[in-house]
Amino acid sequence: MPSKTSVIRIITPLAVSIALSMLVCAAAFKLVWPAVPLVVIVLPTVVASLLTIAWLMIVLRKRWVGPVRHLAETADRMAAGDWAARAEVSGAEDPRSLAGRLNLLAAAAARGMSDLDHQRSNLQQLVDSLPDPILLSDPQQHVVLINTPAARMLQVLPSEVLGKKFVNVVNDAQILDLFESIHESPVHQQEIRIARAGQRNIYQGVGTRTKAGGVLIVLRNVTTMASAIQMKTDFVANASHELRTPIAAIKIAFETLNEVYREDPETSQKCIGIIEGHMHRLEELLRDLLDLSRVETTDLKPQLGEVSAAQLFQILRQALVPMARQREVELKFEGDELLKFSSDVRLLDLTLKNLAENAIKFTPPGGSVTVAISRHAPAAGAGSGSHAPLASEIRIIVADTGVGIPQEHLDRVFERFYQVEPARTGGGMRGTGLGLAIVKHAVHALGGTIELRSALGKGTTAVCTIPDRTAGRK
């Protein structure tokens, strides 16, 4: 901005030049007319010089000093980020031209800043829509971007952490290790395990150094994938174990039978019994594996039809009464046998047979197993969404007076091949470990829920609630 000193430096040489010119003119006038008094010549010359200098200062201030000062003030506002500021187009031609160009520059910068704000907003919306936590820091290790999943994982508000040091925002040691490792290599991958709200999540962390020198951290949640891989590994191991045991027993019994079948009829009969028992177990295992594979398919759709309680009770009587008699367990049925509803009889058959068979296996002689079917009013909100409104809900209860299940095992008994230790339950028979897994998937396919209640030494009660789609059938 032009100062008073600068103006004086510009005016002084001009004023001196004008004064000297006037004095030279006065001296020449005196030589031509020597009779004229000196004061008459000098005084008008001085007055004319002062008037000329004053006029020049006014013109210079109006056409140059003022406009240039205004240009400097406008440039300072723009440098501070006020791109809405505009310079006044006034003064001489050069300041006017400069003011016009400065205004064009400000307009272009304002458009650029607006576009940049839109891009930044779009980028924030994009990263917020991604399921993976994302963090970005600048070369000074300040957080410049954090998406909603990352803020949720770190339990912070995005507006509160922007601009803060990365180490002050993140308190998980494994994420900090990944962040620090970027100083050694531009790209680094690392498995990260984070516990939040009692749940342990597994992330595949990828750290990358940006061109600007910052660090980009992306955490991909692979918890489900890791669980699926572990489940697959456990399934193969458990299936191999379950198949190996009866096959080994059959092999040993066959070898023994081959040696003694003529000499020792009693041992031969015992070996035949062992082979028969394990062959039955293999058949049961293969049957359950096939049933499980059917109900686990994602495209399984219930085949709705009219089902009656009497029909289901009859199926159970034919299938399980001989087994209950052999175990000396009373199999009882409760409910209105005339009750009819709409559901899938195949899935209901799988559910009831597995629940009742399990109950009989783990109920000691003299005990009882009760199967009850009843209709109830639907719970609030049932039948919402894509399904038709429910007329009612069907409640299926299978209760026994058996050995019960310890509380610490209740959450895991629906896993494939999971079996409570016989020593903990006192059960003399072993199942395949697939029955309750089949029940869970069958009930889920029917759109229902299952609840398991048990007391060790008193018995177990399974409660299945499934929708009656009678109102939605056409």
Protein backbone atom coordinates (compact mmCIF):
# COMPACT_ATOMS: atom_id res chain seq x y z
CA MET A 1 0.00 0.00 0.00
CA PRO A 2 1.50 3.49 -0.94
CA SER A 3 2.57 5.41 2.18
CA LYS A 4 2.93 9.15 2.71
CA THR A 5 6.69 8.80 2.50
CA SER A 6 6.36 7.15 -0.92
CA VAL A 7 4.09 9.98 -2.15
CA ILE A 8 6.54 12.61 -0.90
CA ARG A 9 9.38 10.81 -2.67
CA ILE A 10 7.40 10.98 -5.91
CA ILE A 11 6.23 14.62 -5.54
CA THR A 12 9.48 16.17 -4.27
CA PRO A 13 11.55 15.85 -7.49
CA LEU A 14 8.58 17.06 -9.53
CA ALA A 15 8.01 20.05 -7.23
CA VAL A 16 11.71 20.99 -7.30
CA SER A 17 11.69 20.77 -11.08
CA ILE A 18 8.65 23.03 -11.34
CA ALA A 19 10.12 25.53 -8.86
CA LEU A 20 13.44 25.70 -10.71
CA SER A 21 11.62 26.12 -14.01
CA MET A 22 9.60 29.01 -12.60
CA LEU A 23 12.73 30.67 -11.16
CA VAL A 24 14.55 30.35 -14.48
CA CYS A 25 11.59 31.98 -16.20
CA ALA A 26 11.61 34.78 -13.59
CA ALA A 27 15.35 35.36 -14.11
CA ALA A 28 14.88 35.56 -17.85
CA PHE A 29 11.98 37.98 -17.39
CA LYS A 30 14.22 40.19 -15.17
CA LEU A 31 16.93 40.30 -17.84
CA VAL A 32 14.43 41.39 -20.45
CA TRP A 33 12.73 43.99 -18.23
CA PRO A 34 15.29 45.13 -15.66
CA ALA A 35 13.07 47.98 -14.48
CA VAL A 36 10.43 45.66 -13.06
CA PRO A 37 10.92 45.04 -9.30
CA LEU A 38 12.19 41.57 -8.36
CA VAL A 39 9.36 40.91 -5.90
CA VAL A 40 6.81 41.50 -8.63
CA ILE A 41 8.48 38.79 -10.70
CA VAL A 42 9.29 36.23 -7.95
CA LEU A 43 6.02 36.33 -6.01
CA PRO A 44 3.77 35.32 -8.92
CA THR A 45 6.29 32.66 -9.88
CA VAL A 46 6.24 31.09 -6.39
CA VAL A 47 2.44 31.21 -6.22
CA ALA A 48 2.16 29.58 -9.65
CA SER A 49 4.63 26.90 -8.61
CA LEU A 50 2.68 26.08 -5.43
CA LEU A 51 -0.62 25.97 -7.29
CA THR A 52 0.87 23.67 -9.91
CA ILE A 53 2.33 21.38 -7.29
CA ALA A 54 -0.98 21.25 -5.37
CA TRP A 55 -2.89 20.41 -8.55
CA LEU A 56 -0.43 17.67 -9.40
CA MET A 57 -0.76 16.18 -5.93
CA ILE A 58 -4.56 16.14 -6.16
CA VAL A 59 -4.48 14.52 -9.60
CA LEU A 60 -1.85 11.98 -8.55
CA ARG A 61 -3.76 11.06 -5.41
CA LYS A 62 -7.07 10.64 -7.21
CA ARG A 63 -5.84 8.77 -10.27
CA TRP A 64 -2.95 6.75 -8.81
CA VAL A 65 -2.41 6.78 -5.05
CA GLY A 66 -6.07 6.15 -4.04
CA PRO A 67 -6.76 3.38 -6.59
CA VAL A 68 -3.46 1.65 -5.87
CA ARG A 69 -4.12 1.79 -2.13
CA HIS A 70 -7.59 0.29 -2.70
CA LEU A 71 -6.04 -2.43 -4.88
CA ALA A 72 -3.58 -3.28 -2.11
CA GLU A 73 -6.37 -3.51 0.50
CA THR A 74 -8.44 -5.78 -1.79
CA ALA A 75 -5.41 -7.99 -2.48
CA ASP A 76 -4.87 -8.35 1.29
CA ARG A 77 -8.51 -9.47 1.78
CA MET A 78 -8.17 -12.02 -1.02
CA ALA A 79 -4.93 -13.33 0.48
CA ALA A 80 -6.85 -13.86 3.75
CA GLY A 81 -9.37 -16.06 1.91
CA ASP A 82 -12.11 -13.50 1.18
CA TRP A 83 -12.59 -14.31 -2.50
CA ALA A 84 -15.87 -12.37 -2.53
CA ALA A 85 -13.89 -9.10 -2.26
CA ARG A 86 -13.78 -6.98 -5.46
CA ALA A 87 -11.50 -4.07 -6.41
CA GLU A 88 -13.07 -0.75 -7.44
CA VAL A 89 -12.29 0.01 -11.08
CA SER A 90 -11.20 3.68 -10.92
CA GLY A 91 -8.22 6.01 -11.46
CA ALA A 92 -5.79 5.98 -14.34
CA GLU A 93 -5.81 3.41 -17.11
CA ASP A 94 -3.18 1.15 -15.56
CA PRO A 95 -4.86 0.89 -12.09
CA ARG A 96 -8.23 0.33 -13.82
CA SER A 97 -6.75 -2.49 -15.91
CA LEU A 98 -5.10 -4.02 -12.86
CA ALA A 99 -8.36 -3.82 -10.86
CA GLY A 100 -10.28 -5.57 -13.66
CA ARG A 101 -7.74 -8.38 -13.89
CA LEU A 102 -7.66 -8.75 -10.10
CA ASN A 103 -11.45 -9.10 -10.07
CA LEU A 104 -11.28 -11.76 -12.81
CA LEU A 105 -8.66 -13.62 -10.77
CA ALA A 106 -10.88 -13.45 -7.65
CA ALA A 107 -13.91 -14.77 -9.58
CA ALA A 108 -11.89 -17.67 -11.00
CA ALA A 109 -10.48 -18.46 -7.55
CA ALA A 110 -13.97 -18.35 -6.01
CA ARG A 111 -15.26 -20.80 -8.63
CA GLY A 112 -12.25 -23.04 -8.01
CA MET A 113 -12.80 -22.95 -4.25
CA SER A 114 -16.51 -23.73 -4.74
CA ASP A 115 -15.66 -26.68 -6.98
CA LEU A 116 -13.08 -27.84 -4.46
CA ASP A 117 -15.66 -27.66 -1.65
CA HIS A 118 -18.12 -29.70 -3.75
CA GLN A 119 -15.44 -32.29 -4.51
CA ARG A 120 -14.45 -32.48 -0.86
CA SER A 121 -18.10 -32.91 0.13
CA ASN A 122 -18.59 -35.61 -2.52
CA LEU A 123 -15.42 -37.35 -1.36
CA GLN A 124 -16.62 -37.28 2.25
CA GLN A 125 -20.00 -38.71 1.24
CA LEU A 126 -18.25 -41.39 -0.80
CA VAL A 127 -15.97 -42.54 1.99
CA ASP A 128 -18.84 -42.35 4.50
CA SER A 129 -20.85 -44.73 2.32
CA LEU A 130 -18.06 -47.31 2.36
CA PRO A 131 -18.32 -50.00 5.05
CA ASP A 132 -14.57 -50.02 5.72
CA PRO A 133 -13.01 -47.58 8.24
CA ILE A 134 -10.77 -45.05 6.42
CA LEU A 135 -8.34 -42.51 7.91
CA LEU A 136 -6.07 -40.03 6.08
CA SER A 137 -3.29 -37.90 7.56
CA ASP A 138 -1.17 -35.11 6.08
CA PRO A 139 2.67 -35.07 6.07
CA GLN A 140 2.59 -33.49 9.55
CA GLN A 141 0.56 -36.53 10.81
CA HIS A 142 -2.63 -34.52 11.33
CA VAL A 143 -5.93 -36.26 10.58
CA VAL A 144 -7.46 -34.62 7.48
CA LEU A 145 -10.14 -37.22 6.65
CA ILE A 146 -12.06 -39.80 8.65
CA ASN A 147 -15.21 -41.60 7.51
CA THR A 148 -18.24 -42.58 9.58
CA PRO A 149 -17.27 -46.28 10.07
CA ALA A 150 -13.84 -45.22 11.34
CA ALA A 151 -15.36 -42.65 13.70
CA ARG A 152 -17.80 -45.29 14.96
CA MET A 153 -14.98 -47.78 15.46
CA LEU A 154 -12.84 -45.24 17.35
CA GLN A 155 -15.90 -43.89 19.20
CA VAL A 156 -15.22 -40.26 18.25
CA LEU A 157 -16.96 -37.46 16.35
CA PRO A 158 -15.36 -36.62 12.95
CA SER A 159 -15.63 -32.86 13.54
CA GLU A 160 -13.70 -33.17 16.80
CA VAL A 161 -10.69 -35.10 15.46
CA LEU A 162 -9.97 -33.31 12.16
CA GLY A 163 -6.70 -31.45 12.48
CA LYS A 164 -5.54 -33.41 15.53
CA LYS A 165 -2.44 -35.57 15.63
CA PHE A 166 -3.04 -39.15 14.47
CA VAL A 167 -1.56 -40.59 17.68
CA ASN A 168 -3.97 -38.47 19.74
CA VAL A 169 -6.99 -39.79 17.85
CA VAL A 170 -6.15 -43.50 17.57
CA ASN A 171 -5.45 -45.45 20.75
CA ASP A 172 -5.29 -48.98 19.29
CA ALA A 173 -1.70 -50.23 19.33
CA GLN A 174 -2.06 -52.36 16.19
CA ILE A 175 -3.39 -49.45 14.10
CA LEU A 176 -0.57 -47.24 15.37
CA ASP A 177 1.94 -49.97 14.45
CA LEU A 178 0.49 -50.01 10.92
CA PHE A 179 0.71 -46.21 10.76
CA GLU A 180 4.34 -46.18 11.89
CA SER A 181 5.29 -48.97 9.48
CA ILE A 182 4.50 -46.70 6.50
CA HIS A 183 7.67 -44.75 7.29
CA GLU A 184 9.66 -47.86 6.37
CA SER A 185 7.74 -48.96 3.25
CA PRO A 186 5.18 -47.11 1.09
CA VAL A 187 2.61 -49.93 1.34
CA HIS A 188 2.07 -52.26 4.30
CA GLN A 189 -0.59 -54.86 5.18
CA GLN A 190 -1.34 -56.19 8.62
CA GLU A 191 -4.07 -58.17 10.39
CA ILE A 192 -5.66 -56.10 13.15
CA ARG A 193 -7.90 -57.42 15.93
CA ILE A 194 -10.06 -54.89 17.76
CA ALA A 195 -12.46 -55.58 20.62
CA ARG A 196 -15.49 -53.30 20.92
CA ALA A 197 -18.58 -53.76 23.11
CA GLY A 198 -17.66 -57.34 23.92
CA GLN A 199 -17.18 -58.28 20.26
CA ARG A 200 -13.83 -59.01 18.65
CA ASN A 201 -13.56 -57.90 15.04
CA ILE A 202 -10.81 -58.84 12.63
CA TYR A 203 -9.63 -56.28 10.06
CA GLN A 204 -7.25 -56.54 7.12
CA GLY A 205 -5.40 -53.24 7.50
CA VAL A 206 -3.70 -51.61 4.49
CA GLY A 207 -1.51 -48.54 4.91
CA THR A 208 -0.33 -46.48 1.92
CA ARG A 209 1.87 -43.41 1.65
CA THR A 210 0.21 -40.70 -0.47
CA LYS A 211 1.99 -38.58 -3.09
CA ALA A 212 1.72 -35.58 -0.76
CA GLY A 213 3.56 -37.48 1.97
CA GLY A 214 0.55 -38.34 4.12
CA VAL A 215 -0.70 -41.78 5.19
CA LEU A 216 -3.92 -43.50 4.09
CA ILE A 217 -5.22 -46.28 6.37
CA VAL A 218 -8.01 -48.60 5.14
CA LEU A 219 -9.36 -51.34 7.45
CA ARG A 220 -11.39 -54.08 5.76
CA ASN A 221 -13.61 -56.03 8.14
CA VAL A 222 -12.96 -59.73 7.50
CA THR A 223 -14.58 -61.04 10.67
CA THR A 224 -17.33 -62.88 8.80
CA MET A 225 -14.86 -64.31 6.30
CA ALA A 226 -12.50 -65.44 9.05
CA SER A 227 -15.41 -67.02 10.94
CA ALA A 228 -16.54 -68.82 7.78
CA ILE A 229 -13.04 -70.14 7.16
CA GLN A 230 -12.75 -71.29 10.78
CA MET A 231 -16.20 -72.88 10.58
CA LYS A 232 -15.22 -74.70 7.41
CA THR A 233 -12.00 -75.93 9.03
CA ASP A 234 -13.88 -77.07 12.13
CA PHE A 235 -16.53 -78.76 10.00
CA VAL A 236 -13.95 -80.78 8.06
CA ALA A 237 -12.14 -81.76 11.25
CA ASN A 238 -15.33 -82.69 13.10
CA ALA A 239 -16.79 -84.58 10.13
CA SER A 240 -13.56 -86.52 9.71
CA HIS A 241 -13.55 -87.40 13.40
CA GLU A 242 -17.22 -88.42 13.42
CA LEU A 243 -16.75 -90.64 10.36
CA ARG A 244 -13.43 -92.12 11.50
CA THR A 245 -14.81 -93.47 14.79
CA PRO A 246 -17.57 -95.76 13.44
CA ILE A 247 -15.45 -96.83 10.46
CA ALA A 248 -12.60 -97.85 12.78
CA ALA A 249 -15.05 -99.71 15.04
CA ILE A 250 -16.60 -101.51 12.06
CA LYS A 251 -13.15 -102.47 10.78
CA ILE A 252 -12.06 -103.90 14.13
CA ALA A 253 -15.34 -105.76 14.57
CA PHE A 254 -15.12 -107.18 11.06
CA GLU A 255 -11.54 -108.38 11.59
CA THR A 256 -12.52 -110.00 14.89
CA LEU A 257 -15.60 -111.57 13.30
CA ASN A 258 -13.49 -112.93 10.47
CA GLU A 259 -11.28 -114.73 12.97
CA VAL A 260 -13.86 -116.15 15.41
CA TYR A 261 -17.17 -116.41 13.57
CA ARG A 262 -16.93 -120.25 13.47
CA GLU A 263 -15.32 -120.87 16.88
CA ASP A 264 -17.11 -118.35 19.11
CA PRO A 265 -20.75 -117.65 18.15
CA GLU A 266 -21.25 -115.33 21.15
CA THR A 267 -18.34 -113.07 20.16
CA SER A 268 -19.51 -113.20 16.54
CA GLN A 269 -22.96 -112.03 17.56
CA LYS A 270 -21.45 -109.23 19.64
CA CYS A 271 -19.32 -108.09 16.67
CA ILE A 272 -22.37 -108.16 14.41
CA GLY A 273 -24.17 -105.97 16.95
CA ILE A 274 -21.27 -103.51 16.97
CA ILE A 275 -21.23 -103.37 13.17
CA GLU A 276 -24.99 -102.90 13.07
CA GLY A 277 -24.87 -100.10 15.66
CA HIS A 278 -22.13 -98.18 13.92
CA MET A 279 -23.70 -98.69 10.51
CA HIS A 280 -26.84 -97.18 11.96
CA ARG A 281 -24.78 -94.28 13.30
CA LEU A 282 -23.18 -93.76 9.88
CA GLU A 283 -26.61 -93.75 8.24
CA GLU A 284 -27.83 -91.27 10.83
CA LEU A 285 -24.80 -89.03 10.28
CA LEU A 286 -25.15 -89.07 6.50
CA ARG A 287 -28.89 -88.41 6.79
CA ASP A 288 -28.26 -85.42 9.04
CA LEU A 289 -25.53 -84.11 6.72
CA LEU A 290 -27.94 -84.27 3.79
CA ASP A 291 -30.70 -82.59 5.79
CA LEU A 292 -28.31 -79.88 6.95
CA SER A 293 -27.07 -79.22 3.41
CA ARG A 294 -30.69 -78.80 2.25
CA VAL A 295 -31.77 -76.37 4.98
CA GLU A 296 -28.53 -74.35 4.80
CA THR A 297 -29.01 -73.35 1.16
CA THR A 298 -29.69 -69.63 0.80
CA ASP A 299 -32.35 -70.15 -1.88
CA LEU A 300 -34.46 -72.49 0.28
CA LYS A 301 -38.09 -71.37 0.09
CA PRO A 302 -40.85 -72.97 2.18
CA GLN A 303 -43.47 -74.87 0.21
CA LEU A 304 -46.59 -73.63 1.95
CA GLY A 305 -49.51 -75.95 2.38
CA GLU A 306 -52.17 -76.86 4.91
CA VAL A 307 -50.71 -78.66 7.92
CA SER A 308 -52.58 -80.12 10.88
CA ALA A 309 -51.38 -80.90 14.37
CA ALA A 310 -52.77 -84.43 13.99
CA GLN A 311 -50.62 -84.96 10.88
CA LEU A 312 -47.46 -83.90 12.70
CA PHE A 313 -48.28 -85.96 15.79
CA GLN A 314 -48.84 -89.04 13.60
CA ILE A 315 -45.46 -88.58 11.89
CA LEU A 316 -43.74 -88.43 15.28
CA ARG A 317 -45.62 -91.44 16.62
CA GLN A 318 -44.55 -93.58 13.67
CA ALA A 319 -40.95 -92.44 13.79
CA LEU A 320 -40.18 -92.15 17.51
CA VAL A 321 -42.55 -94.28 19.59
CA PRO A 322 -40.38 -97.44 19.12
CA MET A 323 -37.29 -95.50 20.19
CA ALA A 324 -39.12 -94.04 23.21
CA ARG A 325 -40.30 -97.51 24.30
CA GLN A 326 -36.81 -98.90 23.97
CA ARG A 327 -35.51 -96.07 26.16
CA GLU A 328 -38.48 -96.44 28.57
CA VAL A 329 -39.39 -92.79 28.00
CA GLU A 330 -43.01 -91.65 27.80
CA LEU A 331 -43.75 -89.66 24.62
CA LYS A 332 -46.76 -87.37 25.16
CA PHE A 333 -48.63 -85.05 22.80
CA GLU A 334 -50.60 -81.99 23.82
CA GLY A 335 -52.76 -79.58 21.86
CA ASP A 336 -55.79 -79.60 19.63
CA GLU A 337 -55.21 -82.24 16.94
CA LEU A 338 -57.80 -80.47 14.76
CA LEU A 339 -55.58 -77.37 14.66
CA LYS A 340 -54.70 -76.47 11.07
CA PHE A 341 -52.37 -73.80 9.74
CA SER A 342 -50.27 -72.92 6.68
CA SER A 343 -46.60 -73.94 6.68
CA ASP A 344 -44.06 -76.34 5.15
CA VAL A 345 -44.62 -79.87 6.40
CA ARG A 346 -41.11 -81.02 5.38
CA LEU A 347 -39.37 -78.37 7.46
CA LEU A 348 -41.73 -78.93 10.38
CA ASP A 349 -41.01 -82.68 10.17
CA LEU A 350 -37.25 -82.00 10.36
CA THR A 351 -37.71 -79.64 13.27
CA LEU A 352 -39.97 -81.87 15.38
CA LYS A 353 -38.10 -85.11 14.70
CA ASN A 354 -34.72 -83.67 15.65
CA LEU A 355 -36.01 -81.92 18.78
CA ALA A 356 -38.00 -84.94 19.98
CA GLU A 357 -35.25 -87.43 19.12
CA ASN A 358 -32.69 -85.38 21.03
CA ALA A 359 -35.06 -85.14 23.99
CA ILE A 360 -35.58 -88.92 24.05
CA LYS A 361 -31.85 -89.64 23.78
CA PHE A 362 -30.98 -87.48 26.77
CA THR A 363 -33.91 -88.41 29.01
CA PRO A 364 -33.24 -91.25 31.45
CA PRO A 365 -35.65 -94.22 31.76
CA GLY A 366 -38.84 -93.26 33.51
CA GLY A 367 -38.77 -89.72 32.19
CA SER A 368 -41.08 -88.08 29.69
CA VAL A 369 -40.96 -85.99 26.53
CA THR A 370 -43.91 -83.72 25.71
CA VAL A 371 -44.65 -82.24 22.29
CA ALA A 372 -47.20 -79.41 22.23
CA ILE A 373 -48.58 -77.39 19.31
CA SER A 374 -50.83 -74.34 19.79
CA ARG A 375 -51.95 -71.15 18.06
CA HIS A 376 -51.33 -67.66 19.47
CA ALA A 377 -51.96 -64.09 18.44
CA PRO A 378 -49.02 -62.61 16.51
CA ALA A 379 -46.51 -60.45 18.32
CA ALA A 380 -46.42 -56.71 17.59
CA GLY A 381 -44.79 -56.02 14.21
CA ALA A 382 -45.00 -59.62 13.04
CA GLY A 383 -45.69 -60.03 9.37
CA SER A 384 -44.34 -56.61 8.44
CA GLY A 385 -42.15 -56.07 5.44
CA SER A 386 -42.53 -58.20 2.33
CA HIS A 387 -44.74 -60.85 3.99
CA ALA A 388 -48.49 -60.75 4.18
CA PRO A 389 -50.05 -59.81 7.53
CA LEU A 390 -50.11 -62.74 9.93
CA ALA A 391 -53.38 -64.26 11.06
CA SER A 392 -51.61 -65.95 13.95
CA GLU A 393 -48.42 -67.60 15.14
CA ILE A 394 -47.87 -71.29 15.79
CA ARG A 395 -45.95 -72.25 18.91
CA ILE A 396 -44.26 -75.65 19.03
CA ILE A 397 -42.87 -76.79 22.38
CA VAL A 398 -40.74 -79.88 22.99
CA ALA A 399 -40.04 -80.36 26.70
CA ASP A 400 -38.28 -83.21 28.45
CA THR A 401 -37.40 -84.24 31.98
CA GLY A 402 -33.90 -85.23 30.96
CA VAL A 403 -30.40 -84.42 32.12
CA GLY A 404 -30.49 -80.81 30.93
CA ILE A 405 -27.78 -78.64 29.40
CA PRO A 406 -25.29 -76.56 31.39
CA GLN A 407 -25.89 -72.83 30.96
CA GLU A 408 -22.43 -72.22 29.49
CA HIS A 409 -23.26 -74.54 26.59
CA LEU A 410 -26.68 -73.13 25.64
CA ASP A 411 -25.26 -70.56 23.19
CA ARG A 412 -23.21 -73.16 21.33
CA VAL A 413 -25.46 -76.19 21.02
CA PHE A 414 -26.78 -74.91 17.66
CA GLU A 415 -23.28 -75.13 16.13
CA ARG A 416 -22.58 -78.01 13.77
CA PHE A 417 -21.08 -81.08 15.46
CA TYR A 418 -21.12 -79.35 18.86
CA GLN A 419 -21.93 -81.82 21.62
CA VAL A 420 -22.06 -81.31 25.36
CA GLU A 421 -19.61 -83.59 27.14
CA PRO A 422 -21.42 -86.78 28.27
CA ALA A 423 -19.72 -86.51 31.66
CA ARG A 424 -21.39 -83.11 32.17
CA THR A 425 -24.86 -84.30 31.19
CA GLY A 426 -24.87 -87.94 32.23
CA GLY A 427 -26.20 -88.89 28.83
CA GLY A 428 -25.57 -92.43 27.77
CA MET A 429 -26.24 -91.89 24.08
CA ARG A 430 -24.46 -89.67 21.59
CA GLY A 431 -26.05 -87.79 18.74
CA THR A 432 -24.42 -86.62 15.54
CA GLY A 433 -24.12 -83.05 16.79
CA LEU A 434 -26.12 -81.84 13.78
CA GLY A 435 -29.71 -82.06 15.00
CA LEU A 436 -30.02 -78.61 16.58
CA ALA A 437 -28.10 -77.01 13.67
CA ILE A 438 -30.73 -78.49 11.32
CA VAL A 439 -33.52 -77.22 13.59
CA LYS A 440 -32.06 -73.70 13.66
CA HIS A 441 -31.87 -73.45 9.86
CA ALA A 442 -35.29 -75.06 9.32
CA VAL A 443 -37.00 -72.67 11.74
CA HIS A 444 -35.18 -69.73 10.18
CA ALA A 445 -36.34 -70.82 6.71
CA LEU A 446 -39.91 -70.81 8.03
CA GLY A 447 -39.43 -67.25 9.23
CA GLY A 448 -39.59 -68.24 12.88
CA THR A 449 -37.47 -68.21 16.00
CA ILE A 450 -36.28 -70.83 18.47
CA GLU A 451 -35.53 -70.45 22.16
CA LEU A 452 -33.84 -73.02 24.36
CA ARG A 453 -34.30 -73.13 28.12
CA SER A 454 -32.62 -75.72 30.30
CA ALA A 455 -31.76 -76.55 33.87
CA LEU A 456 -29.09 -79.12 34.60
CA GLY A 457 -30.66 -82.28 36.04
CA LYS A 458 -34.23 -81.03 35.47
CA GLY A 459 -34.72 -81.01 31.73
CA THR A 460 -34.76 -78.89 28.60
CA THR A 461 -37.53 -77.00 26.82
CA ALA A 462 -37.31 -75.90 23.17
CA VAL A 463 -39.84 -73.26 22.05
CA CYS A 464 -40.28 -72.66 18.31
CA THR A 465 -42.47 -69.80 17.12
CA ILE A 466 -43.33 -69.85 13.42
CA PRO A 467 -45.73 -67.66 11.42
CA ASP A 468 -49.03 -68.98 10.17
CA ARG A 469 -49.26 -67.68 6.58
CA THR A 470 -52.88 -68.76 6.14
CA ALA A 471 -54.00 -65.15 5.54
CA GLY A 472 -51.35 -64.65 2.86
CA ARG A 473 -52.09 -67.83 0.85
CA LYS A 474 -53.87 -67.59 -2.46
